[in-house]
C-alpha atoms as a PDB file:
ATOM      1  CA  UNK A   1      12.756  11.293  31.598  1.00  0.00           C
ATOM      2  CA  UNK A   2      10.328   8.768  30.410  1.00  0.00           C
ATOM      3  CA  UNK A   3      11.529   5.493  28.917  1.00  0.00           C
ATOM      4  CA  UNK A   4       8.360   4.537  27.226  1.00  0.00           C
ATOM      5  CA  UNK A   5       8.409   3.979  23.620  1.00  0.00           C
ATOM      6  CA  UNK A   6       6.542   6.298  21.615  1.00  0.00           C
ATOM      7  CA  UNK A   7       4.472   5.788  18.253  1.00  0.00           C
ATOM      8  CA  UNK A   8       7.025   7.810  16.506  1.00  0.00           C
ATOM      9  CA  UNK A   9       9.883   5.582  17.545  1.00  0.00           C
ATOM     10  CA  UNK A  10       7.860   2.398  16.470  1.00  0.00           C
ATOM     11  CA  UNK A  11       7.309   4.272  13.092  1.00  0.00           C
ATOM     12  CA  UNK A  12      11.198   4.514  12.896  1.00  0.00           C
ATOM     13  CA  UNK A  13      11.706   0.971  13.925  1.00  0.00           C
ATOM     14  CA  UNK A  14       9.357  -0.196  11.368  1.00  0.00           C
ATOM     15  CA  UNK A  15      10.569   1.963   8.510  1.00  0.00           C
ATOM     16  CA  UNK A  16      14.080   0.786   9.267  1.00  0.00           C
ATOM     17  CA  UNK A  17      13.101  -3.022   9.059  1.00  0.00           C
ATOM     18  CA  UNK A  18      11.674  -2.136   5.710  1.00  0.00           C
ATOM     19  CA  UNK A  19      14.820  -0.369   4.601  1.00  0.00           C
ATOM     20  CA  UNK A  20      12.874   2.857   3.801  1.00  0.00           C
ATOM     21  CA  UNK A  21      14.277   6.381   3.878  1.00  0.00           C
ATOM     22  CA  UNK A  22      12.287   8.987   5.721  1.00  0.00           C
ATOM     23  CA  UNK A  23      11.646  10.656   2.274  1.00  0.00           C
ATOM     24  CA  UNK A  24      10.168   7.553   0.805  1.00  0.00           C
ATOM     25  CA  UNK A  25       7.837   6.763   3.865  1.00  0.00           C
ATOM     26  CA  UNK A  26       6.750  10.580   3.968  1.00  0.00           C
ATOM     27  CA  UNK A  27       6.047  10.306   0.194  1.00  0.00           C
ATOM     28  CA  UNK A  28       3.983   7.214   0.777  1.00  0.00           C
ATOM     29  CA  UNK A  29       1.743   8.494   3.600  1.00  0.00           C
ATOM     30  CA  UNK A  30       1.636  12.076   2.412  1.00  0.00           C
ATOM     31  CA  UNK A  31       3.630  14.089   4.941  1.00  0.00           C
ATOM     32  CA  UNK A  32       6.652  16.021   4.732  1.00  0.00           C
ATOM     33  CA  UNK A  33      10.064  14.355   5.454  1.00  0.00           C
ATOM     34  CA  UNK A  34      10.781  16.837   8.152  1.00  0.00           C
ATOM     35  CA  UNK A  35       7.518  16.266   9.885  1.00  0.00           C
ATOM     36  CA  UNK A  36       8.070  12.583   9.799  1.00  0.00           C
ATOM     37  CA  UNK A  37      11.531  13.108  11.255  1.00  0.00           C
ATOM     38  CA  UNK A  38      10.111  15.321  14.092  1.00  0.00           C
ATOM     39  CA  UNK A  39       7.524  12.605  14.766  1.00  0.00           C
ATOM     40  CA  UNK A  40      10.256   9.895  14.834  1.00  0.00           C
ATOM     41  CA  UNK A  41      12.537  11.824  17.075  1.00  0.00           C
ATOM     42  CA  UNK A  42       9.817  12.674  19.493  1.00  0.00           C
ATOM     43  CA  UNK A  43       9.627  16.463  18.860  1.00  0.00           C
ATOM     44  CA  UNK A  44       6.049  15.968  18.155  1.00  0.00           C
ATOM     45  CA  UNK A  45       3.467  13.395  18.471  1.00  0.00           C
ATOM     46  CA  UNK A  46       2.279  11.208  15.506  1.00  0.00           C
ATOM     47  CA  UNK A  47      -0.932  12.746  14.082  1.00  0.00           C
ATOM     48  CA  UNK A  48      -4.079  10.834  13.351  1.00  0.00           C
ATOM     49  CA  UNK A  49      -3.040  11.165   9.692  1.00  0.00           C
ATOM     50  CA  UNK A  50       0.152   9.482   9.956  1.00  0.00           C
ATOM     51  CA  UNK A  51      -1.187   6.730  11.930  1.00  0.00           C
ATOM     52  CA  UNK A  52      -4.302   5.997   9.596  1.00  0.00           C
ATOM     53  CA  UNK A  53      -2.164   6.578   6.584  1.00  0.00           C
ATOM     54  CA  UNK A  54       0.608   3.960   7.734  1.00  0.00           C
ATOM     55  CA  UNK A  55      -2.336   1.650   8.577  1.00  0.00           C
ATOM     56  CA  UNK A  56      -3.855   2.142   5.003  1.00  0.00           C
ATOM     57  CA  UNK A  57      -0.595   2.199   2.816  1.00  0.00           C
ATOM     58  CA  UNK A  58       1.701  -0.266   4.880  1.00  0.00           C
ATOM     59  CA  UNK A  59       1.651  -3.769   6.388  1.00  0.00           C
ATOM     60  CA  UNK A  60       2.427  -2.098   9.898  1.00  0.00           C
ATOM     61  CA  UNK A  61       0.009  -3.430  12.569  1.00  0.00           C
ATOM     62  CA  UNK A  62      -2.049  -0.457  13.832  1.00  0.00           C
ATOM     63  CA  UNK A  63      -2.336  -1.932  17.358  1.00  0.00           C
ATOM     64  CA  UNK A  64       1.491  -2.387  17.483  1.00  0.00           C
ATOM     65  CA  UNK A  65       1.883   1.190  16.153  1.00  0.00           C
ATOM     66  CA  UNK A  66      -0.141   2.739  18.776  1.00  0.00           C
ATOM     67  CA  UNK A  67       0.514   0.614  21.893  1.00  0.00           C
ATOM     68  CA  UNK A  68       3.713  -1.419  21.150  1.00  0.00           C
ATOM     69  CA  UNK A  69       1.588  -4.684  21.676  1.00  0.00           C
ATOM     70  CA  UNK A  70       1.381  -7.650  19.292  1.00  0.00           C
ATOM     71  CA  UNK A  71       3.367  -8.105  16.217  1.00  0.00           C
ATOM     72  CA  UNK A  72       4.916  -5.285  14.132  1.00  0.00           C
ATOM     73  CA  UNK A  73       3.364  -6.567  10.756  1.00  0.00           C
ATOM     74  CA  UNK A  74      -0.242  -7.358   9.998  1.00  0.00           C
ATOM     75  CA  UNK A  75      -0.977 -10.900   8.614  1.00  0.00           C
ATOM     76  CA  UNK A  76      -1.387 -11.035   5.054  1.00  0.00           C
ATOM     77  CA  UNK A  77      -5.085 -11.158   3.910  1.00  0.00           C
ATOM     78  CA  UNK A  78      -6.796 -14.391   3.149  1.00  0.00           C
ATOM     79  CA  UNK A  79      -6.512 -15.076  -0.686  1.00  0.00           C
ATOM     80  CA  UNK A  80      -9.744 -14.470  -2.449  1.00  0.00           C
ATOM     81  CA  UNK A  81     -11.163 -17.510  -4.380  1.00  0.00           C
ATOM     82  CA  UNK A  82      -9.400 -18.176  -7.591  1.00  0.00           C
ATOM     83  CA  UNK A  83     -11.262 -16.955 -10.789  1.00  0.00           C
ATOM     84  CA  UNK A  84     -11.596 -18.835 -13.848  1.00  0.00           C
ATOM     85  CA  UNK A  85     -11.226 -15.588 -15.807  1.00  0.00           C
ATOM     86  CA  UNK A  86      -7.454 -15.068 -16.906  1.00  0.00           C
ATOM     87  CA  UNK A  87      -7.791 -11.204 -16.732  1.00  0.00           C
ATOM     88  CA  UNK A  88      -9.538 -11.355 -13.196  1.00  0.00           C
ATOM     89  CA  UNK A  89      -6.609 -13.669 -12.005  1.00  0.00           C
ATOM     90  CA  UNK A  90      -4.116 -11.100 -13.584  1.00  0.00           C
ATOM     91  CA  UNK A  91      -5.805  -8.261 -11.829  1.00  0.00           C
ATOM     92  CA  UNK A  92      -5.647 -10.053  -8.368  1.00  0.00           C
ATOM     93  CA  UNK A  93      -1.935 -10.642  -8.903  1.00  0.00           C
ATOM     94  CA  UNK A  94      -1.359  -7.095  -9.808  1.00  0.00           C
ATOM     95  CA  UNK A  95      -3.478  -5.774  -6.969  1.00  0.00           C
ATOM     96  CA  UNK A  96      -1.190  -7.887  -4.694  1.00  0.00           C
ATOM     97  CA  UNK A  97       1.817  -6.458  -5.970  1.00  0.00           C
ATOM     98  CA  UNK A  98       0.525  -2.826  -5.828  1.00  0.00           C
ATOM     99  CA  UNK A  99      -0.280  -3.369  -2.165  1.00  0.00           C
ATOM    100  CA  UNK A 100       3.273  -3.930  -1.624  1.00  0.00           C
ATOM    101  CA  UNK A 101       4.615  -0.884  -3.712  1.00  0.00           C
ATOM    102  CA  UNK A 102       6.312   1.821  -1.642  1.00  0.00           C
ATOM    103  CA  UNK A 103       6.525   4.415  -4.477  1.00  0.00           C
ATOM    104  CA  UNK A 104       3.317   6.208  -5.434  1.00  0.00           C
ATOM    105  CA  UNK A 105       4.339   6.944  -9.002  1.00  0.00           C
ATOM    106  CA  UNK A 106       4.884   3.059  -9.600  1.00  0.00           C
ATOM    107  CA  UNK A 107       1.230   2.603  -8.023  1.00  0.00           C
ATOM    108  CA  UNK A 108       0.018   5.120 -10.794  1.00  0.00           C
ATOM    109  CA  UNK A 109       1.749   3.264 -13.572  1.00  0.00           C
ATOM    110  CA  UNK A 110       0.316   0.010 -12.484  1.00  0.00           C
ATOM    111  CA  UNK A 111      -3.224   1.323 -12.181  1.00  0.00           C
ATOM    112  CA  UNK A 112      -2.904   2.700 -15.726  1.00  0.00           C
ATOM    113  CA  UNK A 113      -1.676  -0.733 -16.929  1.00  0.00           C
ATOM    114  CA  UNK A 114      -4.713  -2.299 -15.291  1.00  0.00           C
ATOM    115  CA  UNK A 115      -7.138   0.252 -17.010  1.00  0.00           C
ATOM    116  CA  UNK A 116      -5.385  -0.425 -20.554  1.00  0.00           C
ATOM    117  CA  UNK A 117      -5.990  -4.156 -19.818  1.00  0.00           C
ATOM    118  CA  UNK A 118      -9.650  -3.815 -19.157  1.00  0.00           C
ATOM    119  CA  UNK A 119     -10.021  -1.495 -22.129  1.00  0.00           C
ATOM    120  CA  UNK A 120      -8.330  -4.193 -24.264  1.00  0.00           C
ATOM    121  CA  UNK A 121     -10.866  -6.878 -22.975  1.00  0.00           C
ATOM    122  CA  UNK A 122     -13.733  -4.708 -23.887  1.00  0.00           C
ATOM    123  CA  UNK A 123     -12.332  -4.145 -27.219  1.00  0.00           C
ATOM    124  CA  UNK A 124     -11.809  -7.733 -27.897  1.00  0.00           C
ATOM    125  CA  UNK A 125     -15.365  -8.532 -26.560  1.00  0.00           C
ATOM    126  CA  UNK A 126     -16.773  -6.107 -29.045  1.00  0.00           C
ATOM    127  CA  UNK A 127     -14.641  -7.321 -31.903  1.00  0.00           C
ATOM    128  CA  UNK A 128     -15.940 -10.871 -31.140  1.00  0.00           C
ATOM    129  CA  UNK A 129     -19.486  -9.494 -31.162  1.00  0.00           C
ATOM    130  CA  UNK A 130     -18.996  -7.807 -34.632  1.00  0.00           C
ATOM    131  CA  UNK A 131     -17.425 -10.834 -36.077  1.00  0.00           C
ATOM    132  CA  UNK A 132     -20.385 -12.888 -34.806  1.00  0.00           C
ATOM    133  CA  UNK A 133     -22.872 -10.580 -36.550  1.00  0.00           C
ATOM    134  CA  UNK A 134     -20.915 -10.629 -40.060  1.00  0.00           C
ATOM    135  CA  UNK A 135     -19.654 -14.232 -40.012  1.00  0.00           C
END
């Protein structure tokens, strides 16, 4: 019997450090809970879909996930330059929060809020232009 730690075991380890249920992680990465359980238990290998989705939707270090080498979590991205536009600053803050969400429904609600905020900004600009023409 091999004592080598598998990608599935590392997925389980990462998930537990994040205090996520199998169901929440499965929903986040787009697989069934039973399939994720099989991967974690070593009954089947982690698919490319799981590995790429984990890399895309979580802070897990893909190198660690595949090989066990390096640190478990990726370093946070370097901050982008601060914008003078308050809406751009707000969007950047919301994006940073969205990147940390573990529930796709919350992500959708935040994206809807961003779109509504952008729409309101356009309406405000149009109103200012109309006032400029009539005032």
